[in-house]
């Protein structure tokens, strides 16, 4: 049977749902490092899996670099994948603040999410992620912060030493850096306390994508064009989204933050939410005003964005299909 890009899974509540492949990028920092020592790499890697778990998302393959991370996941929707991405950013930001006393390091860092809508795209992304390691001159199979090592091993690993589900509360805090419920995960730790990738990555999906042929996987890693993939996965995402699509994000955030619709938010709640949306999502003052049902002047004040000239305002308020960065 051929590779099935979209898979059907049974949810914990017994219902079936379709899961789609996505790529998540925690964009690089230009003036600082995401990971400065081995502990940082380990924490970010574990936060990838914990964030995915809490948002009902399944990690296929990942890589953590010094100033960015890439993850391919299976999720029921774009919003679910975005929730996992933003949860990862939140956890990493809090960790950096605690360890280094540096606040808002990730404030301007974007998390970009892209749906992989055809088999070529899936294979290219699954190969591009470990390709990041080769591009800095390292052997992919020796790089510890990538789940490449889980692939084409039949889920077997000699590194399993301690089950995460069996950790005591103190061990979970020390080794996993979380209070999240991990009592049902199949994850294993090696003797150094690092996650064993074969126990937490969906290696079956990746192997199926490459027809269970490791040579095919390696050939694709060698032939993928990193510049093309960066353009498709990151650069192209930084464009305005139509109001109808952006409204879904606004509704989701208002519901998760305050259990309300945007129209039901109080002025105090809008003061908290509007700057966050403007900072973390690609949008404009007019679009944010429309979707939040606010006056443009109110949004400009909250985002501290100066008013523009009439010509620019007319262009931005016109046909949203003509918007450009």
C-alpha atoms as a PDB file:
ATOM      1  CA  UNK A   1       0.000   0.000   0.000  1.00  0.00           C
ATOM      2  CA  UNK A   2       1.311   3.467  -0.898  1.00  0.00           C
ATOM      3  CA  UNK A   3       2.163   6.251   1.510  1.00  0.00           C
ATOM      4  CA  UNK A   4      -0.844   8.029   3.072  1.00  0.00           C
ATOM      5  CA  UNK A   5      -0.024  11.651   3.816  1.00  0.00           C
ATOM      6  CA  UNK A   6      -3.195  12.142   5.907  1.00  0.00           C
ATOM      7  CA  UNK A   7      -3.740   9.498   8.560  1.00  0.00           C
ATOM      8  CA  UNK A   8      -6.743   8.633  10.727  1.00  0.00           C
ATOM      9  CA  UNK A   9      -6.217   8.127  14.446  1.00  0.00           C
ATOM     10  CA  UNK A  10      -8.422   7.271  17.408  1.00  0.00           C
ATOM     11  CA  UNK A  11      -8.473  10.073  19.976  1.00  0.00           C
ATOM     12  CA  UNK A  12      -8.435   9.473  23.760  1.00  0.00           C
ATOM     13  CA  UNK A  13     -12.213  10.065  23.805  1.00  0.00           C
ATOM     14  CA  UNK A  14     -12.722   7.175  21.375  1.00  0.00           C
ATOM     15  CA  UNK A  15     -13.577   9.317  18.354  1.00  0.00           C
ATOM     16  CA  UNK A  16     -11.641   9.146  15.096  1.00  0.00           C
ATOM     17  CA  UNK A  17      -9.879  12.173  13.620  1.00  0.00           C
ATOM     18  CA  UNK A  18      -7.757  12.922  10.591  1.00  0.00           C
ATOM     19  CA  UNK A  19      -4.203  14.107  11.192  1.00  0.00           C
ATOM     20  CA  UNK A  20      -2.353  16.260   8.661  1.00  0.00           C
ATOM     21  CA  UNK A  21       1.413  16.884   8.372  1.00  0.00           C
ATOM     22  CA  UNK A  22       2.827  20.320   9.269  1.00  0.00           C
ATOM     23  CA  UNK A  23       6.195  21.989   9.620  1.00  0.00           C
ATOM     24  CA  UNK A  24       6.961  24.201  12.631  1.00  0.00           C
ATOM     25  CA  UNK A  25       9.887  26.592  12.679  1.00  0.00           C
ATOM     26  CA  UNK A  26      11.060  28.407  15.799  1.00  0.00           C
ATOM     27  CA  UNK A  27      12.843  31.159  13.935  1.00  0.00           C
ATOM     28  CA  UNK A  28      16.464  31.989  14.625  1.00  0.00           C
ATOM     29  CA  UNK A  29      17.671  34.779  16.870  1.00  0.00           C
ATOM     30  CA  UNK A  30      19.971  37.351  15.279  1.00  0.00           C
ATOM     31  CA  UNK A  31      21.530  38.820  18.419  1.00  0.00           C
ATOM     32  CA  UNK A  32      21.289  36.004  20.947  1.00  0.00           C
ATOM     33  CA  UNK A  33      21.376  32.219  21.269  1.00  0.00           C
ATOM     34  CA  UNK A  34      18.499  29.882  21.943  1.00  0.00           C
ATOM     35  CA  UNK A  35      20.872  27.165  23.191  1.00  0.00           C
ATOM     36  CA  UNK A  36      24.160  28.022  24.876  1.00  0.00           C
ATOM     37  CA  UNK A  37      25.100  24.696  26.472  1.00  0.00           C
ATOM     38  CA  UNK A  38      24.045  21.049  26.393  1.00  0.00           C
ATOM     39  CA  UNK A  39      21.405  21.601  29.068  1.00  0.00           C
ATOM     40  CA  UNK A  40      19.699  24.190  26.864  1.00  0.00           C
ATOM     41  CA  UNK A  41      19.593  21.831  23.876  1.00  0.00           C
ATOM     42  CA  UNK A  42      18.186  19.089  26.100  1.00  0.00           C
ATOM     43  CA  UNK A  43      15.494  21.337  27.550  1.00  0.00           C
ATOM     44  CA  UNK A  44      14.369  22.697  24.170  1.00  0.00           C
ATOM     45  CA  UNK A  45      14.205  19.158  22.773  1.00  0.00           C
ATOM     46  CA  UNK A  46      12.063  17.972  25.676  1.00  0.00           C
ATOM     47  CA  UNK A  47       9.832  21.039  25.413  1.00  0.00           C
ATOM     48  CA  UNK A  48       9.172  20.151  21.768  1.00  0.00           C
ATOM     49  CA  UNK A  49       7.648  16.836  22.816  1.00  0.00           C
ATOM     50  CA  UNK A  50       5.890  18.169  25.922  1.00  0.00           C
ATOM     51  CA  UNK A  51       4.328  21.056  23.964  1.00  0.00           C
ATOM     52  CA  UNK A  52       3.175  18.644  21.262  1.00  0.00           C
ATOM     53  CA  UNK A  53       1.731  16.259  23.848  1.00  0.00           C
ATOM     54  CA  UNK A  54      -0.268  18.973  25.599  1.00  0.00           C
ATOM     55  CA  UNK A  55      -1.741  20.158  22.279  1.00  0.00           C
ATOM     56  CA  UNK A  56      -2.624  16.700  20.938  1.00  0.00           C
ATOM     57  CA  UNK A  57       0.105  16.847  18.302  1.00  0.00           C
ATOM     58  CA  UNK A  58       2.426  14.017  17.223  1.00  0.00           C
ATOM     59  CA  UNK A  59       6.117  14.749  16.488  1.00  0.00           C
ATOM     60  CA  UNK A  60       7.557  13.024  13.413  1.00  0.00           C
ATOM     61  CA  UNK A  61      11.106  14.407  13.351  1.00  0.00           C
ATOM     62  CA  UNK A  62      12.863  17.419  14.856  1.00  0.00           C
ATOM     63  CA  UNK A  63      16.192  19.185  15.118  1.00  0.00           C
ATOM     64  CA  UNK A  64      17.411  21.740  17.664  1.00  0.00           C
ATOM     65  CA  UNK A  65      20.177  24.106  16.566  1.00  0.00           C
ATOM     66  CA  UNK A  66      21.966  26.838  18.515  1.00  0.00           C
ATOM     67  CA  UNK A  67      19.526  29.587  17.533  1.00  0.00           C
ATOM     68  CA  UNK A  68      16.492  27.873  15.985  1.00  0.00           C
ATOM     69  CA  UNK A  69      14.539  24.625  15.797  1.00  0.00           C
ATOM     70  CA  UNK A  70      12.556  22.735  13.170  1.00  0.00           C
ATOM     71  CA  UNK A  71       9.809  20.204  13.863  1.00  0.00           C
ATOM     72  CA  UNK A  72       7.517  18.175  11.610  1.00  0.00           C
ATOM     73  CA  UNK A  73       4.270  17.109  13.275  1.00  0.00           C
ATOM     74  CA  UNK A  74       0.916  15.474  12.659  1.00  0.00           C
ATOM     75  CA  UNK A  75      -2.022  17.562  13.868  1.00  0.00           C
ATOM     76  CA  UNK A  76      -5.784  17.644  13.386  1.00  0.00           C
ATOM     77  CA  UNK A  77      -5.727  21.266  12.204  1.00  0.00           C
ATOM     78  CA  UNK A  78      -3.540  24.263  11.482  1.00  0.00           C
ATOM     79  CA  UNK A  79      -4.690  25.861  14.735  1.00  0.00           C
ATOM     80  CA  UNK A  80      -3.642  22.779  16.730  1.00  0.00           C
ATOM     81  CA  UNK A  81      -0.176  22.914  15.158  1.00  0.00           C
ATOM     82  CA  UNK A  82       0.027  26.647  15.904  1.00  0.00           C
ATOM     83  CA  UNK A  83      -0.954  26.068  19.527  1.00  0.00           C
ATOM     84  CA  UNK A  84       1.895  23.570  19.871  1.00  0.00           C
ATOM     85  CA  UNK A  85       4.312  26.017  18.235  1.00  0.00           C
ATOM     86  CA  UNK A  86       3.319  28.892  20.511  1.00  0.00           C
ATOM     87  CA  UNK A  87       3.431  26.646  23.569  1.00  0.00           C
ATOM     88  CA  UNK A  88       6.995  25.688  22.616  1.00  0.00           C
ATOM     89  CA  UNK A  89       7.943  29.353  22.311  1.00  0.00           C
ATOM     90  CA  UNK A  90       6.310  30.150  25.668  1.00  0.00           C
ATOM     91  CA  UNK A  91       8.149  27.370  27.469  1.00  0.00           C
ATOM     92  CA  UNK A  92      11.505  28.274  25.908  1.00  0.00           C
ATOM     93  CA  UNK A  93      11.042  31.939  26.809  1.00  0.00           C
ATOM     94  CA  UNK A  94      10.263  31.095  30.435  1.00  0.00           C
ATOM     95  CA  UNK A  95      13.259  28.750  30.622  1.00  0.00           C
ATOM     96  CA  UNK A  96      15.677  31.402  29.297  1.00  0.00           C
ATOM     97  CA  UNK A  97      14.227  33.912  31.732  1.00  0.00           C
ATOM     98  CA  UNK A  98      14.679  31.553  34.695  1.00  0.00           C
ATOM     99  CA  UNK A  99      18.166  30.366  33.814  1.00  0.00           C
ATOM    100  CA  UNK A 100      19.767  33.518  32.457  1.00  0.00           C
ATOM    101  CA  UNK A 101      17.578  36.249  33.921  1.00  0.00           C
ATOM    102  CA  UNK A 102      16.920  37.567  30.419  1.00  0.00           C
ATOM    103  CA  UNK A 103      13.317  38.570  29.822  1.00  0.00           C
ATOM    104  CA  UNK A 104      11.599  38.850  26.450  1.00  0.00           C
ATOM    105  CA  UNK A 105      14.483  37.211  24.555  1.00  0.00           C
ATOM    106  CA  UNK A 106      11.978  35.513  22.238  1.00  0.00           C
ATOM    107  CA  UNK A 107       9.592  38.457  22.126  1.00  0.00           C
ATOM    108  CA  UNK A 108      10.278  39.245  18.480  1.00  0.00           C
ATOM    109  CA  UNK A 109      10.861  35.657  17.416  1.00  0.00           C
ATOM    110  CA  UNK A 110       8.208  34.174  15.186  1.00  0.00           C
ATOM    111  CA  UNK A 111       6.969  30.597  15.118  1.00  0.00           C
ATOM    112  CA  UNK A 112       5.953  29.734  11.581  1.00  0.00           C
ATOM    113  CA  UNK A 113       3.633  26.828  10.770  1.00  0.00           C
ATOM    114  CA  UNK A 114       3.042  25.437   7.295  1.00  0.00           C
ATOM    115  CA  UNK A 115       0.774  22.603   6.181  1.00  0.00           C
ATOM    116  CA  UNK A 116       2.486  20.031   3.936  1.00  0.00           C
ATOM    117  CA  UNK A 117      -0.119  19.513   1.242  1.00  0.00           C
ATOM    118  CA  UNK A 118       1.476  16.944  -1.070  1.00  0.00           C
ATOM    119  CA  UNK A 119       3.794  13.941  -0.856  1.00  0.00           C
ATOM    120  CA  UNK A 120       6.765  15.750  -2.426  1.00  0.00           C
ATOM    121  CA  UNK A 121       6.455  18.515   0.129  1.00  0.00           C
ATOM    122  CA  UNK A 122       6.271  16.014   3.008  1.00  0.00           C
ATOM    123  CA  UNK A 123       9.388  14.145   1.867  1.00  0.00           C
ATOM    124  CA  UNK A 124      11.325  17.351   1.210  1.00  0.00           C
ATOM    125  CA  UNK A 125      10.563  18.733   4.677  1.00  0.00           C
ATOM    126  CA  UNK A 126      11.309  15.460   6.468  1.00  0.00           C
ATOM    127  CA  UNK A 127      14.694  15.457   4.709  1.00  0.00           C
ATOM    128  CA  UNK A 128      15.324  19.195   5.150  1.00  0.00           C
ATOM    129  CA  UNK A 129      15.065  19.005   8.948  1.00  0.00           C
ATOM    130  CA  UNK A 130      18.107  16.731   9.495  1.00  0.00           C
ATOM    131  CA  UNK A 131      19.839  18.450   6.564  1.00  0.00           C
ATOM    132  CA  UNK A 132      20.278  21.442   8.923  1.00  0.00           C
ATOM    133  CA  UNK A 133      22.878  19.372  10.784  1.00  0.00           C
ATOM    134  CA  UNK A 134      24.858  18.504   7.647  1.00  0.00           C
ATOM    135  CA  UNK A 135      24.887  22.162   6.618  1.00  0.00           C
ATOM    136  CA  UNK A 136      26.943  23.080   9.718  1.00  0.00           C
ATOM    137  CA  UNK A 137      29.483  20.344   8.973  1.00  0.00           C
ATOM    138  CA  UNK A 138      28.298  17.700  11.469  1.00  0.00           C
ATOM    139  CA  UNK A 139      27.533  14.040  10.859  1.00  0.00           C
ATOM    140  CA  UNK A 140      23.757  13.690  11.074  1.00  0.00           C
ATOM    141  CA  UNK A 141      23.922  10.290  12.737  1.00  0.00           C
ATOM    142  CA  UNK A 142      26.156  11.662  15.521  1.00  0.00           C
ATOM    143  CA  UNK A 143      24.170  14.823  16.274  1.00  0.00           C
ATOM    144  CA  UNK A 144      22.408  14.292  19.640  1.00  0.00           C
ATOM    145  CA  UNK A 145      19.597  16.856  19.276  1.00  0.00           C
ATOM    146  CA  UNK A 146      17.807  15.382  16.269  1.00  0.00           C
ATOM    147  CA  UNK A 147      15.440  12.427  15.990  1.00  0.00           C
ATOM    148  CA  UNK A 148      17.179  11.212  12.826  1.00  0.00           C
ATOM    149  CA  UNK A 149      18.660   8.446  14.998  1.00  0.00           C
ATOM    150  CA  UNK A 150      15.172   7.003  15.495  1.00  0.00           C
ATOM    151  CA  UNK A 151      14.693   6.333  11.797  1.00  0.00           C
ATOM    152  CA  UNK A 152      15.000   2.949  10.094  1.00  0.00           C
ATOM    153  CA  UNK A 153      15.698   1.105  13.326  1.00  0.00           C
ATOM    154  CA  UNK A 154      12.259  -0.457  13.705  1.00  0.00           C
ATOM    155  CA  UNK A 155      11.650   1.544  16.853  1.00  0.00           C
ATOM    156  CA  UNK A 156      14.423  -0.317  18.632  1.00  0.00           C
ATOM    157  CA  UNK A 157      17.120   1.365  20.665  1.00  0.00           C
ATOM    158  CA  UNK A 158      19.766   0.136  23.058  1.00  0.00           C
ATOM    159  CA  UNK A 159      19.775   3.474  24.883  1.00  0.00           C
ATOM    160  CA  UNK A 160      16.573   3.049  26.891  1.00  0.00           C
ATOM    161  CA  UNK A 161      17.382   3.241  30.588  1.00  0.00           C
ATOM    162  CA  UNK A 162      14.496   4.828  32.483  1.00  0.00           C
ATOM    163  CA  UNK A 163      10.819   5.260  31.609  1.00  0.00           C
ATOM    164  CA  UNK A 164       9.567   8.851  31.780  1.00  0.00           C
ATOM    165  CA  UNK A 165       6.168   7.606  32.986  1.00  0.00           C
ATOM    166  CA  UNK A 166       7.837   6.042  36.030  1.00  0.00           C
ATOM    167  CA  UNK A 167       9.683   9.189  37.144  1.00  0.00           C
ATOM    168  CA  UNK A 168       8.924  10.557  40.586  1.00  0.00           C
ATOM    169  CA  UNK A 169       7.665  14.127  40.885  1.00  0.00           C
ATOM    170  CA  UNK A 170      11.146  15.395  41.767  1.00  0.00           C
ATOM    171  CA  UNK A 171      12.783  13.383  38.972  1.00  0.00           C
ATOM    172  CA  UNK A 172      10.257  14.735  36.475  1.00  0.00           C
ATOM    173  CA  UNK A 173      11.009  18.301  37.548  1.00  0.00           C
ATOM    174  CA  UNK A 174      14.773  17.738  37.405  1.00  0.00           C
ATOM    175  CA  UNK A 175      14.952  15.700  34.200  1.00  0.00           C
ATOM    176  CA  UNK A 176      11.931  16.885  32.184  1.00  0.00           C
ATOM    177  CA  UNK A 177      11.648  20.466  33.529  1.00  0.00           C
ATOM    178  CA  UNK A 178       7.865  20.293  33.753  1.00  0.00           C
ATOM    179  CA  UNK A 179       4.874  19.586  35.985  1.00  0.00           C
ATOM    180  CA  UNK A 180       2.876  18.209  33.041  1.00  0.00           C
ATOM    181  CA  UNK A 181       1.234  14.800  33.346  1.00  0.00           C
ATOM    182  CA  UNK A 182       3.600  12.336  31.646  1.00  0.00           C
ATOM    183  CA  UNK A 183       2.240   9.204  33.308  1.00  0.00           C
ATOM    184  CA  UNK A 184       1.057   7.625  30.034  1.00  0.00           C
ATOM    185  CA  UNK A 185       3.851   8.479  27.601  1.00  0.00           C
ATOM    186  CA  UNK A 186       6.032   5.663  26.189  1.00  0.00           C
ATOM    187  CA  UNK A 187       9.141   7.859  26.264  1.00  0.00           C
ATOM    188  CA  UNK A 188      12.445   6.571  27.602  1.00  0.00           C
ATOM    189  CA  UNK A 189      15.531   8.362  28.887  1.00  0.00           C
ATOM    190  CA  UNK A 190      19.100   7.205  28.316  1.00  0.00           C
ATOM    191  CA  UNK A 191      21.722   7.038  31.062  1.00  0.00           C
ATOM    192  CA  UNK A 192      22.497  10.734  30.573  1.00  0.00           C
ATOM    193  CA  UNK A 193      18.871  11.729  31.078  1.00  0.00           C
ATOM    194  CA  UNK A 194      18.272  12.564  27.405  1.00  0.00           C
ATOM    195  CA  UNK A 195      15.191  11.432  25.508  1.00  0.00           C
ATOM    196  CA  UNK A 196      15.595   8.328  23.357  1.00  0.00           C
ATOM    197  CA  UNK A 197      14.205   9.505  19.995  1.00  0.00           C
ATOM    198  CA  UNK A 198      12.919   6.084  18.932  1.00  0.00           C
ATOM    199  CA  UNK A 199      10.501   6.131  21.888  1.00  0.00           C
ATOM    200  CA  UNK A 200       8.956   9.554  21.262  1.00  0.00           C
ATOM    201  CA  UNK A 201       9.154  10.249  17.506  1.00  0.00           C
ATOM    202  CA  UNK A 202       6.694   8.891  14.940  1.00  0.00           C
ATOM    203  CA  UNK A 203       9.358   7.035  12.980  1.00  0.00           C
ATOM    204  CA  UNK A 204       6.684   4.823  11.334  1.00  0.00           C
ATOM    205  CA  UNK A 205       5.230   7.807   9.459  1.00  0.00           C
ATOM    206  CA  UNK A 206       8.623   8.962   8.202  1.00  0.00           C
ATOM    207  CA  UNK A 207       9.687   5.506   7.093  1.00  0.00           C
ATOM    208  CA  UNK A 208       6.399   5.071   5.220  1.00  0.00           C
ATOM    209  CA  UNK A 209       6.941   8.450   3.508  1.00  0.00           C
ATOM    210  CA  UNK A 210      10.175   7.053   2.033  1.00  0.00           C
ATOM    211  CA  UNK A 211       8.711   3.640   1.174  1.00  0.00           C
ATOM    212  CA  UNK A 212      10.646   2.077   4.088  1.00  0.00           C
ATOM    213  CA  UNK A 213      13.837   2.650   2.097  1.00  0.00           C
ATOM    214  CA  UNK A 214      16.689   4.276   4.048  1.00  0.00           C
ATOM    215  CA  UNK A 215      18.707   4.834   0.876  1.00  0.00           C
ATOM    216  CA  UNK A 216      15.782   6.864  -0.518  1.00  0.00           C
ATOM    217  CA  UNK A 217      15.752   8.955   2.664  1.00  0.00           C
ATOM    218  CA  UNK A 218      19.511   9.605   2.548  1.00  0.00           C
ATOM    219  CA  UNK A 219      19.373  10.464  -1.146  1.00  0.00           C
ATOM    220  CA  UNK A 220      16.615  12.999  -0.489  1.00  0.00           C
ATOM    221  CA  UNK A 221      18.586  14.567   2.376  1.00  0.00           C
ATOM    222  CA  UNK A 222      21.524  15.021   0.013  1.00  0.00           C
ATOM    223  CA  UNK A 223      19.468  16.459  -2.820  1.00  0.00           C
ATOM    224  CA  UNK A 224      17.040  18.782  -0.982  1.00  0.00           C
ATOM    225  CA  UNK A 225      17.622  22.469  -1.681  1.00  0.00           C
ATOM    226  CA  UNK A 226      17.854  24.238   1.707  1.00  0.00           C
ATOM    227  CA  UNK A 227      17.375  27.714   0.210  1.00  0.00           C
ATOM    228  CA  UNK A 228      14.208  26.590  -1.567  1.00  0.00           C
ATOM    229  CA  UNK A 229      12.831  24.989   1.581  1.00  0.00           C
ATOM    230  CA  UNK A 230      13.577  28.069   3.693  1.00  0.00           C
ATOM    231  CA  UNK A 231      11.743  30.185   1.134  1.00  0.00           C
ATOM    232  CA  UNK A 232       8.703  27.882   1.168  1.00  0.00           C
ATOM    233  CA  UNK A 233       8.579  27.179   4.898  1.00  0.00           C
ATOM    234  CA  UNK A 234       9.482  30.539   6.410  1.00  0.00           C
ATOM    235  CA  UNK A 235       9.837  33.474   4.033  1.00  0.00           C
ATOM    236  CA  UNK A 236       6.626  32.873   2.080  1.00  0.00           C
ATOM    237  CA  UNK A 237       4.594  32.630   5.302  1.00  0.00           C
ATOM    238  CA  UNK A 238       5.291  36.241   6.145  1.00  0.00           C
ATOM    239  CA  UNK A 239       2.401  37.539   4.096  1.00  0.00           C
ATOM    240  CA  UNK A 240      -0.978  38.816   5.137  1.00  0.00           C
ATOM    241  CA  UNK A 241      -3.733  36.268   5.655  1.00  0.00           C
ATOM    242  CA  UNK A 242      -7.328  36.923   4.541  1.00  0.00           C
ATOM    243  CA  UNK A 243      -9.676  38.268   7.214  1.00  0.00           C
ATOM    244  CA  UNK A 244     -11.694  35.040   7.366  1.00  0.00           C
ATOM    245  CA  UNK A 245      -8.574  32.980   8.069  1.00  0.00           C
ATOM    246  CA  UNK A 246      -7.092  35.471  10.522  1.00  0.00           C
ATOM    247  CA  UNK A 247     -10.429  35.689  12.374  1.00  0.00           C
ATOM    248  CA  UNK A 248     -10.091  31.986  13.237  1.00  0.00           C
ATOM    249  CA  UNK A 249      -6.835  32.767  15.037  1.00  0.00           C
ATOM    250  CA  UNK A 250      -8.366  35.725  16.887  1.00  0.00           C
ATOM    251  CA  UNK A 251     -11.397  33.665  17.973  1.00  0.00           C
ATOM    252  CA  UNK A 252      -9.145  30.837  19.160  1.00  0.00           C
ATOM    253  CA  UNK A 253      -6.957  33.159  21.234  1.00  0.00           C
ATOM    254  CA  UNK A 254      -9.905  35.015  22.792  1.00  0.00           C
ATOM    255  CA  UNK A 255     -11.477  31.689  23.696  1.00  0.00           C
ATOM    256  CA  UNK A 256      -8.303  30.226  25.212  1.00  0.00           C
ATOM    257  CA  UNK A 257      -7.334  33.365  27.124  1.00  0.00           C
ATOM    258  CA  UNK A 258     -10.730  34.509  28.366  1.00  0.00           C
ATOM    259  CA  UNK A 259     -13.360  31.924  27.270  1.00  0.00           C
ATOM    260  CA  UNK A 260     -15.058  34.650  25.218  1.00  0.00           C
ATOM    261  CA  UNK A 261     -15.532  35.755  21.643  1.00  0.00           C
ATOM    262  CA  UNK A 262     -13.683  38.930  20.518  1.00  0.00           C
ATOM    263  CA  UNK A 263     -16.959  40.880  20.688  1.00  0.00           C
ATOM    264  CA  UNK A 264     -17.428  39.862  24.349  1.00  0.00           C
ATOM    265  CA  UNK A 265     -13.999  41.006  25.557  1.00  0.00           C
ATOM    266  CA  UNK A 266     -13.815  43.839  28.055  1.00  0.00           C
ATOM    267  CA  UNK A 267     -11.558  46.841  27.330  1.00  0.00           C
ATOM    268  CA  UNK A 268      -9.056  45.518  29.900  1.00  0.00           C
ATOM    269  CA  UNK A 269      -8.934  42.128  28.189  1.00  0.00           C
ATOM    270  CA  UNK A 270      -8.400  43.743  24.782  1.00  0.00           C
ATOM    271  CA  UNK A 271      -5.512  45.734  26.249  1.00  0.00           C
ATOM    272  CA  UNK A 272      -3.848  42.425  27.116  1.00  0.00           C
ATOM    273  CA  UNK A 273      -4.689  40.507  23.949  1.00  0.00           C
ATOM    274  CA  UNK A 274      -4.256  43.021  21.113  1.00  0.00           C
ATOM    275  CA  UNK A 275      -0.516  43.746  21.629  1.00  0.00           C
ATOM    276  CA  UNK A 276       0.172  40.015  21.863  1.00  0.00           C
ATOM    277  CA  UNK A 277      -1.605  39.259  18.584  1.00  0.00           C
ATOM    278  CA  UNK A 278       0.058  42.164  16.816  1.00  0.00           C
ATOM    279  CA  UNK A 279       3.485  41.100  18.056  1.00  0.00           C
ATOM    280  CA  UNK A 280       3.198  37.366  17.425  1.00  0.00           C
ATOM    281  CA  UNK A 281       1.107  37.128  14.242  1.00  0.00           C
ATOM    282  CA  UNK A 282       1.462  38.671  10.798  1.00  0.00           C
ATOM    283  CA  UNK A 283      -1.318  41.216  10.608  1.00  0.00           C
ATOM    284  CA  UNK A 284      -2.024  44.934  10.153  1.00  0.00           C
ATOM    285  CA  UNK A 285      -3.735  47.563  12.279  1.00  0.00           C
ATOM    286  CA  UNK A 286      -6.829  47.729  10.005  1.00  0.00           C
ATOM    287  CA  UNK A 287      -7.183  43.933   9.919  1.00  0.00           C
ATOM    288  CA  UNK A 288      -6.761  43.643  13.677  1.00  0.00           C
ATOM    289  CA  UNK A 289      -9.318  46.404  14.201  1.00  0.00           C
ATOM    290  CA  UNK A 290     -11.825  44.602  11.975  1.00  0.00           C
ATOM    291  CA  UNK A 291     -11.374  41.198  13.582  1.00  0.00           C
ATOM    292  CA  UNK A 292     -11.362  42.579  17.140  1.00  0.00           C
ATOM    293  CA  UNK A 293     -14.285  44.931  16.399  1.00  0.00           C
ATOM    294  CA  UNK A 294     -12.335  47.950  17.563  1.00  0.00           C
ATOM    295  CA  UNK A 295     -11.626  51.409  16.201  1.00  0.00           C
ATOM    296  CA  UNK A 296      -8.394  51.768  14.293  1.00  0.00           C
ATOM    297  CA  UNK A 297      -7.224  54.490  16.670  1.00  0.00           C
ATOM    298  CA  UNK A 298      -7.646  52.126  19.634  1.00  0.00           C
ATOM    299  CA  UNK A 299      -5.522  49.434  17.979  1.00  0.00           C
ATOM    300  CA  UNK A 300      -2.872  51.968  16.987  1.00  0.00           C
ATOM    301  CA  UNK A 301      -2.678  53.171  20.569  1.00  0.00           C
ATOM    302  CA  UNK A 302      -2.356  49.648  21.980  1.00  0.00           C
ATOM    303  CA  UNK A 303       0.289  48.634  19.463  1.00  0.00           C
ATOM    304  CA  UNK A 304       2.060  52.006  19.690  1.00  0.00           C
ATOM    305  CA  UNK A 305       1.954  52.177  15.926  1.00  0.00           C
ATOM    306  CA  UNK A 306       1.966  55.701  14.390  1.00  0.00           C
ATOM    307  CA  UNK A 307      -0.804  56.646  12.042  1.00  0.00           C
ATOM    308  CA  UNK A 308      -0.040  56.394   8.353  1.00  0.00           C
ATOM    309  CA  UNK A 309      -0.744  58.669   5.398  1.00  0.00           C
ATOM    310  CA  UNK A 310      -4.025  58.530   3.534  1.00  0.00           C
ATOM    311  CA  UNK A 311      -2.564  56.766   0.494  1.00  0.00           C
ATOM    312  CA  UNK A 312      -1.067  53.949   2.557  1.00  0.00           C
ATOM    313  CA  UNK A 313      -4.245  53.669   4.623  1.00  0.00           C
ATOM    314  CA  UNK A 314      -6.404  53.309   1.512  1.00  0.00           C
ATOM    315  CA  UNK A 315      -4.093  50.639   0.096  1.00  0.00           C
ATOM    316  CA  UNK A 316      -4.068  48.671   3.352  1.00  0.00           C
ATOM    317  CA  UNK A 317      -7.833  48.909   3.833  1.00  0.00           C
ATOM    318  CA  UNK A 318      -8.649  47.830   0.278  1.00  0.00           C
ATOM    319  CA  UNK A 319      -8.833  44.408  -1.308  1.00  0.00           C
ATOM    320  CA  UNK A 320      -7.062  42.105   1.124  1.00  0.00           C
ATOM    321  CA  UNK A 321      -5.897  39.926  -1.749  1.00  0.00           C
ATOM    322  CA  UNK A 322      -3.582  42.771  -2.797  1.00  0.00           C
ATOM    323  CA  UNK A 323      -1.828  43.076   0.578  1.00  0.00           C
ATOM    324  CA  UNK A 324       1.928  42.790   0.557  1.00  0.00           C
ATOM    325  CA  UNK A 325       4.644  43.162   3.138  1.00  0.00           C
END
